[in-house]
Amino acid sequence: MGGKRLELAELTGHEVDALDRDKTLFVLALSPIEVHGPHLPLGTDVWMAEEIRERALGKLAERRPELDFAILPSCYMGSDTIPGSMEIDSRAVNFMLRGVASFLADRGFRYLLVTDNHGGPRHQIATAKAVRRMYEKRGFHVIAPFLSFFRRMVELDPALLSRLGAGAGACGDPQDSHAGLNETSLMLRSHPEKVRPSWKELPRVSIDTRRWPNLLLGALGKGVRGLGLKEMGDDVAYVGLMLSWVTEKRPSNYIGEPSAASPEAGERMLDAFSDEAVERVEAALRGERPYHTPLGWSLRAIEPSR
């Protein structure tokens, strides 16, 4: 009989060991303490990860009533944060995820859902490496849906844009990549009381594509694509665009147009993201490999985790 929601930290070791190995889904919300413009708090990404967790579990409870959910304390950590934020080495993210997964795998459990809302390249690569290592070494499923969902956002996936009723610059893509329309909308929907009133007055801020990182790495990416290495070329160009932002002398702490945000846009994004999480859990329960190729994956050698 499933349907229980448990807080892992409140269980005894004996109670953990009494849980059904095949029907218990452990869940961890993971994201950094990060500056999000002048209008959103530092905890924005973690609160969004928790919101996705709650929505996904609500949907899973309806579709999979046999499942029990064991909730781990949220983890406030992440790498490749913007200047002025709490930066944690990506290896720590990787070791933490492997440690949590090993704790569960040692007891015979099989599934850990990680909800996340941070797109830092090394953060995502370190997560993807932990996913693969735990599956290859232990057959354990670390399910990390944001690795794929974020790529859909950045690459302007037509199906996602149609569902959101949004276009470029309004769906968490590079020119709406941080505390802009998308993330402000998410917060207006889930935590409106935490959004500072200044959001209504903030103008659009865009990444300056004329800066040297974008010009240099964009040209290099084009050349790499010309050699038939499309994924690597796209990754190189994406890194160049992001570096054009964060290497400015005084980089903006938001990118996008917060004043265009709305709770309705936030609802559409949260619904789509939580559906992605549900689909990834369903795939794991069917025995499919939990692998992802996040943005930057072709450049994974520059991220030091194993």
C-alpha atoms as a PDB file:
ATOM      1  CA  MET A   1       0.000   0.000   0.000  1.00  0.00           C
ATOM      2  CA  GLY A   2       1.633   3.240  -1.147  1.00  0.00           C
ATOM      3  CA  GLY A   3       0.749   6.892  -0.892  1.00  0.00           C
ATOM      4  CA  LYS A   4       2.901   7.822   2.099  1.00  0.00           C
ATOM      5  CA  ARG A   5       4.967  11.005   2.261  1.00  0.00           C
ATOM      6  CA  LEU A   6       7.900  10.743   4.629  1.00  0.00           C
ATOM      7  CA  GLU A   7      10.641  13.110   5.751  1.00  0.00           C
ATOM      8  CA  LEU A   8      13.899  11.163   5.590  1.00  0.00           C
ATOM      9  CA  ALA A   9      15.586  13.118   8.380  1.00  0.00           C
ATOM     10  CA  GLU A  10      12.775  12.164  10.774  1.00  0.00           C
ATOM     11  CA  LEU A  11      13.033   8.416  10.156  1.00  0.00           C
ATOM     12  CA  THR A  12      15.119   5.961  12.120  1.00  0.00           C
ATOM     13  CA  GLY A  13      17.504   3.667  10.306  1.00  0.00           C
ATOM     14  CA  HIS A  14      15.148   0.759  10.952  1.00  0.00           C
ATOM     15  CA  GLU A  15      12.215   2.680   9.463  1.00  0.00           C
ATOM     16  CA  VAL A  16      14.235   3.509   6.345  1.00  0.00           C
ATOM     17  CA  ASP A  17      15.183  -0.131   5.909  1.00  0.00           C
ATOM     18  CA  ALA A  18      11.516  -1.156   6.203  1.00  0.00           C
ATOM     19  CA  LEU A  19      10.542   0.834   3.090  1.00  0.00           C
ATOM     20  CA  ASP A  20       9.723  -0.975  -0.157  1.00  0.00           C
ATOM     21  CA  ARG A  21      12.848  -1.002  -2.331  1.00  0.00           C
ATOM     22  CA  ASP A  22      10.973  -0.879  -5.638  1.00  0.00           C
ATOM     23  CA  LYS A  23       8.188   1.504  -4.658  1.00  0.00           C
ATOM     24  CA  THR A  24       9.942   4.251  -2.740  1.00  0.00           C
ATOM     25  CA  LEU A  25      11.016   7.390  -4.574  1.00  0.00           C
ATOM     26  CA  PHE A  26      13.482   9.580  -2.718  1.00  0.00           C
ATOM     27  CA  VAL A  27      13.418  13.264  -3.628  1.00  0.00           C
ATOM     28  CA  LEU A  28      16.041  15.995  -3.246  1.00  0.00           C
ATOM     29  CA  ALA A  29      15.685  19.679  -4.161  1.00  0.00           C
ATOM     30  CA  LEU A  30      19.056  21.099  -5.184  1.00  0.00           C
ATOM     31  CA  SER A  31      20.083  24.637  -6.241  1.00  0.00           C
ATOM     32  CA  PRO A  32      22.432  27.416  -5.133  1.00  0.00           C
ATOM     33  CA  ILE A  33      22.192  30.555  -3.056  1.00  0.00           C
ATOM     34  CA  GLU A  34      22.413  33.022  -5.930  1.00  0.00           C
ATOM     35  CA  VAL A  35      21.781  36.699  -6.621  1.00  0.00           C
ATOM     36  CA  HIS A  36      18.630  37.141  -8.745  1.00  0.00           C
ATOM     37  CA  GLY A  37      18.482  40.805  -9.681  1.00  0.00           C
ATOM     38  CA  PRO A  38      17.280  43.504  -7.286  1.00  0.00           C
ATOM     39  CA  HIS A  39      13.816  41.969  -7.047  1.00  0.00           C
ATOM     40  CA  LEU A  40      14.157  38.227  -6.294  1.00  0.00           C
ATOM     41  CA  PRO A  41      15.702  36.673  -3.152  1.00  0.00           C
ATOM     42  CA  LEU A  42      18.854  34.556  -3.048  1.00  0.00           C
ATOM     43  CA  GLY A  43      16.837  31.391  -2.408  1.00  0.00           C
ATOM     44  CA  THR A  44      14.830  31.662  -5.637  1.00  0.00           C
ATOM     45  CA  ASP A  45      16.316  28.615  -7.363  1.00  0.00           C
ATOM     46  CA  VAL A  46      15.823  26.327  -4.371  1.00  0.00           C
ATOM     47  CA  TRP A  47      12.234  27.464  -3.883  1.00  0.00           C
ATOM     48  CA  MET A  48      11.573  26.749  -7.550  1.00  0.00           C
ATOM     49  CA  ALA A  49      13.149  23.301  -7.169  1.00  0.00           C
ATOM     50  CA  GLU A  50      10.842  22.681  -4.199  1.00  0.00           C
ATOM     51  CA  GLU A  51       7.824  23.915  -6.165  1.00  0.00           C
ATOM     52  CA  ILE A  52       8.615  21.516  -8.989  1.00  0.00           C
ATOM     53  CA  ARG A  53       9.067  18.743  -6.425  1.00  0.00           C
ATOM     54  CA  GLU A  54       5.616  19.348  -4.980  1.00  0.00           C
ATOM     55  CA  ARG A  55       3.903  19.553  -8.359  1.00  0.00           C
ATOM     56  CA  ALA A  56       5.656  16.465  -9.685  1.00  0.00           C
ATOM     57  CA  LEU A  57       4.836  14.442  -6.583  1.00  0.00           C
ATOM     58  CA  GLY A  58       1.198  15.508  -6.775  1.00  0.00           C
ATOM     59  CA  LYS A  59       0.988  14.266 -10.356  1.00  0.00           C
ATOM     60  CA  LEU A  60       2.878  11.064  -9.557  1.00  0.00           C
ATOM     61  CA  ALA A  61       0.580  10.326  -6.615  1.00  0.00           C
ATOM     62  CA  GLU A  62      -2.335  10.259  -9.048  1.00  0.00           C
ATOM     63  CA  ARG A  63      -0.587   8.211 -11.714  1.00  0.00           C
ATOM     64  CA  ARG A  64       1.365   5.907  -9.412  1.00  0.00           C
ATOM     65  CA  PRO A  65      -0.624   5.464  -6.179  1.00  0.00           C
ATOM     66  CA  GLU A  66       1.609   2.549  -5.208  1.00  0.00           C
ATOM     67  CA  LEU A  67       4.606   4.850  -4.680  1.00  0.00           C
ATOM     68  CA  ASP A  68       5.825   6.230  -1.366  1.00  0.00           C
ATOM     69  CA  PHE A  69       7.824   9.472  -1.335  1.00  0.00           C
ATOM     70  CA  ALA A  70      10.748  10.083   1.015  1.00  0.00           C
ATOM     71  CA  ILE A  71      11.815  13.735   1.055  1.00  0.00           C
ATOM     72  CA  LEU A  72      15.410  14.718   1.772  1.00  0.00           C
ATOM     73  CA  PRO A  73      16.245  18.161   3.198  1.00  0.00           C
ATOM     74  CA  SER A  74      16.780  20.691   0.427  1.00  0.00           C
ATOM     75  CA  CYS A  75      20.391  21.312  -0.548  1.00  0.00           C
ATOM     76  CA  TYR A  76      21.463  24.913  -1.088  1.00  0.00           C
ATOM     77  CA  MET A  77      24.531  24.509  -3.277  1.00  0.00           C
ATOM     78  CA  GLY A  78      25.571  25.001  -6.873  1.00  0.00           C
ATOM     79  CA  SER A  79      28.451  25.908  -9.150  1.00  0.00           C
ATOM     80  CA  ASP A  80      28.855  28.451 -11.955  1.00  0.00           C
ATOM     81  CA  THR A  81      26.765  30.994 -10.089  1.00  0.00           C
ATOM     82  CA  ILE A  82      26.773  34.639 -11.186  1.00  0.00           C
ATOM     83  CA  PRO A  83      29.186  37.116  -9.529  1.00  0.00           C
ATOM     84  CA  GLY A  84      28.242  37.971  -5.957  1.00  0.00           C
ATOM     85  CA  SER A  85      26.616  34.600  -5.277  1.00  0.00           C
ATOM     86  CA  MET A  86      27.605  31.573  -3.204  1.00  0.00           C
ATOM     87  CA  GLU A  87      29.875  29.548  -5.485  1.00  0.00           C
ATOM     88  CA  ILE A  88      30.473  25.875  -4.665  1.00  0.00           C
ATOM     89  CA  ASP A  89      33.013  23.805  -6.613  1.00  0.00           C
ATOM     90  CA  SER A  90      31.224  21.522  -9.060  1.00  0.00           C
ATOM     91  CA  ARG A  91      33.097  18.550  -7.611  1.00  0.00           C
ATOM     92  CA  ALA A  92      31.239  19.113  -4.351  1.00  0.00           C
ATOM     93  CA  VAL A  93      27.928  18.905  -6.220  1.00  0.00           C
ATOM     94  CA  ASN A  94      29.069  15.671  -7.838  1.00  0.00           C
ATOM     95  CA  PHE A  95      30.328  14.134  -4.569  1.00  0.00           C
ATOM     96  CA  MET A  96      27.177  15.160  -2.712  1.00  0.00           C
ATOM     97  CA  LEU A  97      24.890  13.515  -5.256  1.00  0.00           C
ATOM     98  CA  ARG A  98      27.009  10.383  -5.365  1.00  0.00           C
ATOM     99  CA  GLY A  99      27.055  10.262  -1.565  1.00  0.00           C
ATOM    100  CA  VAL A 100      23.282  10.538  -1.279  1.00  0.00           C
ATOM    101  CA  ALA A 101      22.771   7.959  -4.029  1.00  0.00           C
ATOM    102  CA  SER A 102      25.289   5.575  -2.466  1.00  0.00           C
ATOM    103  CA  PHE A 103      23.565   5.860   0.913  1.00  0.00           C
ATOM    104  CA  LEU A 104      20.353   4.737  -0.752  1.00  0.00           C
ATOM    105  CA  ALA A 105      21.905   2.154  -3.067  1.00  0.00           C
ATOM    106  CA  ASP A 106      23.709   0.521  -0.136  1.00  0.00           C
ATOM    107  CA  ARG A 107      20.263  -0.168   1.331  1.00  0.00           C
ATOM    108  CA  GLY A 108      18.907  -1.585  -1.883  1.00  0.00           C
ATOM    109  CA  PHE A 109      16.879   1.414  -3.037  1.00  0.00           C
ATOM    110  CA  ARG A 110      16.804   2.342  -6.715  1.00  0.00           C
ATOM    111  CA  TYR A 111      15.369   5.809  -7.321  1.00  0.00           C
ATOM    112  CA  LEU A 112      16.318   9.386  -6.434  1.00  0.00           C
ATOM    113  CA  LEU A 113      14.553  12.324  -8.093  1.00  0.00           C
ATOM    114  CA  VAL A 114      16.644  15.515  -8.057  1.00  0.00           C
ATOM    115  CA  THR A 115      14.712  18.708  -8.751  1.00  0.00           C
ATOM    116  CA  ASP A 116      16.890  21.660  -9.719  1.00  0.00           C
ATOM    117  CA  ASN A 117      16.550  25.134 -11.224  1.00  0.00           C
ATOM    118  CA  HIS A 118      20.152  26.119 -11.926  1.00  0.00           C
ATOM    119  CA  GLY A 119      21.681  26.155 -15.400  1.00  0.00           C
ATOM    120  CA  GLY A 120      25.366  26.671 -14.590  1.00  0.00           C
ATOM    121  CA  PRO A 121      27.267  24.525 -17.135  1.00  0.00           C
ATOM    122  CA  ARG A 122      29.672  22.864 -14.699  1.00  0.00           C
ATOM    123  CA  HIS A 123      26.852  22.389 -12.195  1.00  0.00           C
ATOM    124  CA  GLN A 124      24.842  20.521 -14.809  1.00  0.00           C
ATOM    125  CA  ILE A 125      27.796  18.525 -16.119  1.00  0.00           C
ATOM    126  CA  ALA A 126      28.783  17.464 -12.594  1.00  0.00           C
ATOM    127  CA  THR A 127      25.197  16.350 -12.011  1.00  0.00           C
ATOM    128  CA  ALA A 128      25.103  14.408 -15.281  1.00  0.00           C
ATOM    129  CA  LYS A 129      28.378  12.697 -14.414  1.00  0.00           C
ATOM    130  CA  ALA A 130      26.960  11.616 -11.048  1.00  0.00           C
ATOM    131  CA  VAL A 131      23.860  10.274 -12.821  1.00  0.00           C
ATOM    132  CA  ARG A 132      25.946   8.144 -15.175  1.00  0.00           C
ATOM    133  CA  ARG A 133      28.416   6.947 -12.573  1.00  0.00           C
ATOM    134  CA  MET A 134      25.723   5.758 -10.180  1.00  0.00           C
ATOM    135  CA  TYR A 135      23.834   3.951 -12.924  1.00  0.00           C
ATOM    136  CA  GLU A 136      26.944   2.333 -14.411  1.00  0.00           C
ATOM    137  CA  LYS A 137      28.440   1.292 -11.064  1.00  0.00           C
ATOM    138  CA  ARG A 138      25.330   0.536  -9.025  1.00  0.00           C
ATOM    139  CA  GLY A 139      22.339   0.362 -11.377  1.00  0.00           C
ATOM    140  CA  PHE A 140      20.889   3.240  -9.338  1.00  0.00           C
ATOM    141  CA  HIS A 141      18.636   5.832 -10.976  1.00  0.00           C
ATOM    142  CA  VAL A 142      19.442   9.460 -10.212  1.00  0.00           C
ATOM    143  CA  ILE A 143      16.625  11.201 -12.090  1.00  0.00           C
ATOM    144  CA  ALA A 144      17.571  14.813 -12.915  1.00  0.00           C
ATOM    145  CA  PRO A 145      14.950  16.229 -15.304  1.00  0.00           C
ATOM    146  CA  PHE A 146      16.229  19.802 -15.394  1.00  0.00           C
ATOM    147  CA  LEU A 147      19.284  18.643 -17.333  1.00  0.00           C
ATOM    148  CA  SER A 148      17.044  17.937 -20.314  1.00  0.00           C
ATOM    149  CA  PHE A 149      14.363  20.552 -19.656  1.00  0.00           C
ATOM    150  CA  PHE A 150      16.883  23.396 -19.478  1.00  0.00           C
ATOM    151  CA  ARG A 151      18.330  22.341 -22.806  1.00  0.00           C
ATOM    152  CA  ARG A 152      14.844  22.527 -24.320  1.00  0.00           C
ATOM    153  CA  MET A 153      14.468  26.049 -22.944  1.00  0.00           C
ATOM    154  CA  VAL A 154      17.818  27.281 -24.233  1.00  0.00           C
ATOM    155  CA  GLU A 155      17.476  25.639 -27.647  1.00  0.00           C
ATOM    156  CA  LEU A 156      13.918  26.974 -28.108  1.00  0.00           C
ATOM    157  CA  ASP A 157      12.288  23.575 -28.466  1.00  0.00           C
ATOM    158  CA  PRO A 158       9.209  24.181 -30.674  1.00  0.00           C
ATOM    159  CA  ALA A 159       6.953  21.871 -28.661  1.00  0.00           C
ATOM    160  CA  LEU A 160       7.871  23.624 -25.419  1.00  0.00           C
ATOM    161  CA  LEU A 161       7.431  27.096 -26.922  1.00  0.00           C
ATOM    162  CA  SER A 162       4.012  26.115 -28.233  1.00  0.00           C
ATOM    163  CA  ARG A 163       2.950  24.888 -24.818  1.00  0.00           C
ATOM    164  CA  LEU A 164       4.252  28.022 -23.101  1.00  0.00           C
ATOM    165  CA  GLY A 165       2.853  30.415 -25.681  1.00  0.00           C
ATOM    166  CA  ALA A 166       6.269  32.089 -25.585  1.00  0.00           C
ATOM    167  CA  GLY A 167       9.143  32.872 -27.887  1.00  0.00           C
ATOM    168  CA  ALA A 168      12.798  33.781 -27.742  1.00  0.00           C
ATOM    169  CA  GLY A 169      13.665  36.060 -24.857  1.00  0.00           C
ATOM    170  CA  ALA A 170      10.709  34.881 -22.770  1.00  0.00           C
ATOM    171  CA  CYS A 171      11.266  31.206 -21.928  1.00  0.00           C
ATOM    172  CA  GLY A 172      14.487  30.991 -19.932  1.00  0.00           C
ATOM    173  CA  ASP A 173      16.628  30.985 -23.074  1.00  0.00           C
ATOM    174  CA  PRO A 174      19.991  32.851 -23.119  1.00  0.00           C
ATOM    175  CA  GLN A 175      18.477  36.327 -23.439  1.00  0.00           C
ATOM    176  CA  ASP A 176      16.056  35.535 -20.583  1.00  0.00           C
ATOM    177  CA  SER A 177      18.510  33.394 -18.698  1.00  0.00           C
ATOM    178  CA  HIS A 178      18.481  34.813 -15.189  1.00  0.00           C
ATOM    179  CA  ALA A 179      15.851  36.592 -13.060  1.00  0.00           C
ATOM    180  CA  GLY A 180      14.152  37.893 -16.191  1.00  0.00           C
ATOM    181  CA  LEU A 181      10.630  37.255 -17.456  1.00  0.00           C
ATOM    182  CA  ASN A 182      10.746  33.509 -16.833  1.00  0.00           C
ATOM    183  CA  GLU A 183      12.088  33.361 -13.292  1.00  0.00           C
ATOM    184  CA  THR A 184      10.125  36.409 -12.187  1.00  0.00           C
ATOM    185  CA  SER A 185       6.980  34.737 -13.534  1.00  0.00           C
ATOM    186  CA  LEU A 186       7.819  31.547 -11.642  1.00  0.00           C
ATOM    187  CA  MET A 187       8.114  33.500  -8.411  1.00  0.00           C
ATOM    188  CA  LEU A 188       4.963  35.560  -9.063  1.00  0.00           C
ATOM    189  CA  ARG A 189       3.074  32.287  -9.382  1.00  0.00           C
ATOM    190  CA  SER A 190       4.576  30.372  -6.475  1.00  0.00           C
ATOM    191  CA  HIS A 191       5.864  32.992  -3.987  1.00  0.00           C
ATOM    192  CA  PRO A 192       4.416  36.396  -4.936  1.00  0.00           C
ATOM    193  CA  GLU A 193       4.929  37.744  -1.426  1.00  0.00           C
ATOM    194  CA  LYS A 194       8.697  37.349  -1.825  1.00  0.00           C
ATOM    195  CA  VAL A 195       8.972  39.363  -5.061  1.00  0.00           C
ATOM    196  CA  ARG A 196      10.093  42.951  -4.470  1.00  0.00           C
ATOM    197  CA  PRO A 197       7.830  45.641  -6.005  1.00  0.00           C
ATOM    198  CA  SER A 198      10.706  46.926  -8.161  1.00  0.00           C
ATOM    199  CA  TRP A 199      10.093  44.061 -10.621  1.00  0.00           C
ATOM    200  CA  LYS A 200       7.414  46.168 -12.329  1.00  0.00           C
ATOM    201  CA  GLU A 201       9.930  48.874 -13.235  1.00  0.00           C
ATOM    202  CA  LEU A 202      12.919  46.837 -14.392  1.00  0.00           C
ATOM    203  CA  PRO A 203      13.774  47.252 -18.093  1.00  0.00           C
ATOM    204  CA  ARG A 204      15.007  44.519 -20.398  1.00  0.00           C
ATOM    205  CA  VAL A 205      18.697  43.731 -20.086  1.00  0.00           C
ATOM    206  CA  SER A 206      20.334  41.674 -22.823  1.00  0.00           C
ATOM    207  CA  ILE A 207      23.697  39.991 -23.159  1.00  0.00           C
ATOM    208  CA  ASP A 208      25.977  42.097 -25.358  1.00  0.00           C
ATOM    209  CA  THR A 209      26.653  39.787 -28.294  1.00  0.00           C
ATOM    210  CA  ARG A 210      29.339  42.165 -29.592  1.00  0.00           C
ATOM    211  CA  ARG A 211      31.758  41.311 -26.796  1.00  0.00           C
ATOM    212  CA  TRP A 212      34.845  39.263 -27.590  1.00  0.00           C
ATOM    213  CA  PRO A 213      33.864  35.955 -25.890  1.00  0.00           C
ATOM    214  CA  ASN A 214      30.755  35.653 -28.048  1.00  0.00           C
ATOM    215  CA  LEU A 215      32.523  36.777 -31.218  1.00  0.00           C
ATOM    216  CA  LEU A 216      35.523  34.509 -30.689  1.00  0.00           C
ATOM    217  CA  LEU A 217      33.787  31.392 -29.419  1.00  0.00           C
ATOM    218  CA  GLY A 218      30.821  31.944 -31.715  1.00  0.00           C
ATOM    219  CA  ALA A 219      33.159  31.853 -34.701  1.00  0.00           C
ATOM    220  CA  LEU A 220      34.963  28.830 -33.261  1.00  0.00           C
ATOM    221  CA  GLY A 221      31.642  27.069 -32.708  1.00  0.00           C
ATOM    222  CA  LYS A 222      30.654  27.735 -36.296  1.00  0.00           C
ATOM    223  CA  GLY A 223      33.925  26.203 -37.481  1.00  0.00           C
ATOM    224  CA  VAL A 224      33.434  23.158 -35.272  1.00  0.00           C
ATOM    225  CA  ARG A 225      29.922  22.674 -36.633  1.00  0.00           C
ATOM    226  CA  GLY A 226      31.402  22.873 -40.112  1.00  0.00           C
ATOM    227  CA  LEU A 227      33.502  19.823 -39.232  1.00  0.00           C
ATOM    228  CA  GLY A 228      30.309  17.884 -38.510  1.00  0.00           C
ATOM    229  CA  LEU A 229      30.472  18.281 -34.711  1.00  0.00           C
ATOM    230  CA  LYS A 230      27.192  20.104 -34.226  1.00  0.00           C
ATOM    231  CA  GLU A 231      26.751  19.453 -30.497  1.00  0.00           C
ATOM    232  CA  MET A 232      30.266  20.603 -29.665  1.00  0.00           C
ATOM    233  CA  GLY A 233      29.916  23.644 -31.905  1.00  0.00           C
ATOM    234  CA  ASP A 234      26.644  24.603 -30.204  1.00  0.00           C
ATOM    235  CA  ASP A 235      28.202  24.118 -26.773  1.00  0.00           C
ATOM    236  CA  VAL A 236      31.218  26.277 -27.607  1.00  0.00           C
ATOM    237  CA  ALA A 237      28.993  29.056 -28.941  1.00  0.00           C
ATOM    238  CA  TYR A 238      26.726  28.882 -25.879  1.00  0.00           C
ATOM    239  CA  VAL A 239      29.687  29.172 -23.510  1.00  0.00           C
ATOM    240  CA  GLY A 240      30.898  32.196 -25.462  1.00  0.00           C
ATOM    241  CA  LEU A 241      27.536  33.907 -25.095  1.00  0.00           C
ATOM    242  CA  MET A 242      27.388  33.278 -21.348  1.00  0.00           C
ATOM    243  CA  LEU A 243      30.974  34.463 -20.871  1.00  0.00           C
ATOM    244  CA  SER A 244      30.074  37.681 -22.691  1.00  0.00           C
ATOM    245  CA  TRP A 245      27.721  38.372 -19.789  1.00  0.00           C
ATOM    246  CA  VAL A 246      29.576  37.249 -16.680  1.00  0.00           C
ATOM    247  CA  THR A 247      32.990  38.634 -17.709  1.00  0.00           C
ATOM    248  CA  GLU A 248      31.741  42.203 -18.007  1.00  0.00           C
ATOM    249  CA  LYS A 249      33.371  44.616 -15.582  1.00  0.00           C
ATOM    250  CA  ARG A 250      30.037  45.137 -13.824  1.00  0.00           C
ATOM    251  CA  PRO A 251      27.730  42.407 -15.111  1.00  0.00           C
ATOM    252  CA  SER A 252      24.010  42.842 -14.646  1.00  0.00           C
ATOM    253  CA  ASN A 253      22.530  40.559 -12.003  1.00  0.00           C
ATOM    254  CA  TYR A 254      19.566  39.817 -14.232  1.00  0.00           C
ATOM    255  CA  ILE A 255      19.099  39.069 -17.930  1.00  0.00           C
ATOM    256  CA  GLY A 256      15.699  39.463 -19.569  1.00  0.00           C
ATOM    257  CA  GLU A 257      12.621  41.602 -18.959  1.00  0.00           C
ATOM    258  CA  PRO A 258      11.228  41.154 -15.435  1.00  0.00           C
ATOM    259  CA  SER A 259       8.517  43.793 -15.930  1.00  0.00           C
ATOM    260  CA  ALA A 260       6.903  41.597 -18.618  1.00  0.00           C
ATOM    261  CA  ALA A 261       6.455  38.703 -16.177  1.00  0.00           C
ATOM    262  CA  SER A 262       3.100  37.277 -15.134  1.00  0.00           C
ATOM    263  CA  PRO A 263       1.774  34.535 -12.832  1.00  0.00           C
ATOM    264  CA  GLU A 264       0.106  32.940 -15.858  1.00  0.00           C
ATOM    265  CA  ALA A 265       3.444  32.519 -17.650  1.00  0.00           C
ATOM    266  CA  GLY A 266       4.876  31.083 -14.455  1.00  0.00           C
ATOM    267  CA  GLU A 267       2.052  28.570 -14.200  1.00  0.00           C
ATOM    268  CA  ARG A 268       2.612  27.334 -17.755  1.00  0.00           C
ATOM    269  CA  MET A 269       6.332  26.870 -17.160  1.00  0.00           C
ATOM    270  CA  LEU A 270       5.872  25.132 -13.807  1.00  0.00           C
ATOM    271  CA  ASP A 271       3.299  22.780 -15.304  1.00  0.00           C
ATOM    272  CA  ALA A 272       5.561  21.893 -18.232  1.00  0.00           C
ATOM    273  CA  PHE A 273       8.616  21.392 -16.031  1.00  0.00           C
ATOM    274  CA  SER A 274       6.785  19.203 -13.527  1.00  0.00           C
ATOM    275  CA  ASP A 275       5.447  17.098 -16.402  1.00  0.00           C
ATOM    276  CA  GLU A 276       9.024  16.580 -17.566  1.00  0.00           C
ATOM    277  CA  ALA A 277       9.933  15.376 -14.071  1.00  0.00           C
ATOM    278  CA  VAL A 278       7.013  12.954 -14.029  1.00  0.00           C
ATOM    279  CA  GLU A 279       7.939  11.587 -17.457  1.00  0.00           C
ATOM    280  CA  ARG A 280      11.543  11.034 -16.366  1.00  0.00           C
ATOM    281  CA  VAL A 281      10.430   9.183 -13.241  1.00  0.00           C
ATOM    282  CA  GLU A 282       8.095   7.030 -15.316  1.00  0.00           C
ATOM    283  CA  ALA A 283      10.981   6.215 -17.670  1.00  0.00           C
ATOM    284  CA  ALA A 284      13.166   5.154 -14.743  1.00  0.00           C
ATOM    285  CA  LEU A 285      10.399   2.944 -13.356  1.00  0.00           C
ATOM    286  CA  ARG A 286      10.260   1.264 -16.778  1.00  0.00           C
ATOM    287  CA  GLY A 287      13.961   0.533 -16.486  1.00  0.00           C
ATOM    288  CA  GLU A 288      15.215   3.105 -18.977  1.00  0.00           C
ATOM    289  CA  ARG A 289      18.658   4.594 -18.433  1.00  0.00           C
ATOM    290  CA  PRO A 290      18.505   7.999 -16.716  1.00  0.00           C
ATOM    291  CA  TYR A 291      21.155   9.572 -18.943  1.00  0.00           C
ATOM    292  CA  HIS A 292      21.116  13.183 -20.134  1.00  0.00           C
ATOM    293  CA  THR A 293      23.270  15.317 -22.390  1.00  0.00           C
ATOM    294  CA  PRO A 294      23.071  18.742 -20.754  1.00  0.00           C
ATOM    295  CA  LEU A 295      24.360  21.896 -22.378  1.00  0.00           C
ATOM    296  CA  GLY A 296      28.147  21.763 -22.405  1.00  0.00           C
ATOM    297  CA  TRP A 297      28.286  17.957 -22.255  1.00  0.00           C
ATOM    298  CA  SER A 298      30.631  17.724 -25.248  1.00  0.00           C
ATOM    299  CA  LEU A 299      33.062  19.918 -23.244  1.00  0.00           C
ATOM    300  CA  ARG A 300      32.760  17.810 -20.084  1.00  0.00           C
ATOM    301  CA  ALA A 301      36.532  17.329 -19.845  1.00  0.00           C
ATOM    302  CA  ILE A 302      36.779  20.902 -18.499  1.00  0.00           C
ATOM    303  CA  GLU A 303      34.625  19.909 -15.485  1.00  0.00           C
ATOM    304  CA  PRO A 304      36.863  18.044 -13.004  1.00  0.00           C
ATOM    305  CA  SER A 305      34.358  15.529 -11.575  1.00  0.00           C
ATOM    306  CA  ARG A 306      34.465  11.857 -12.530  1.00  0.00           C
END
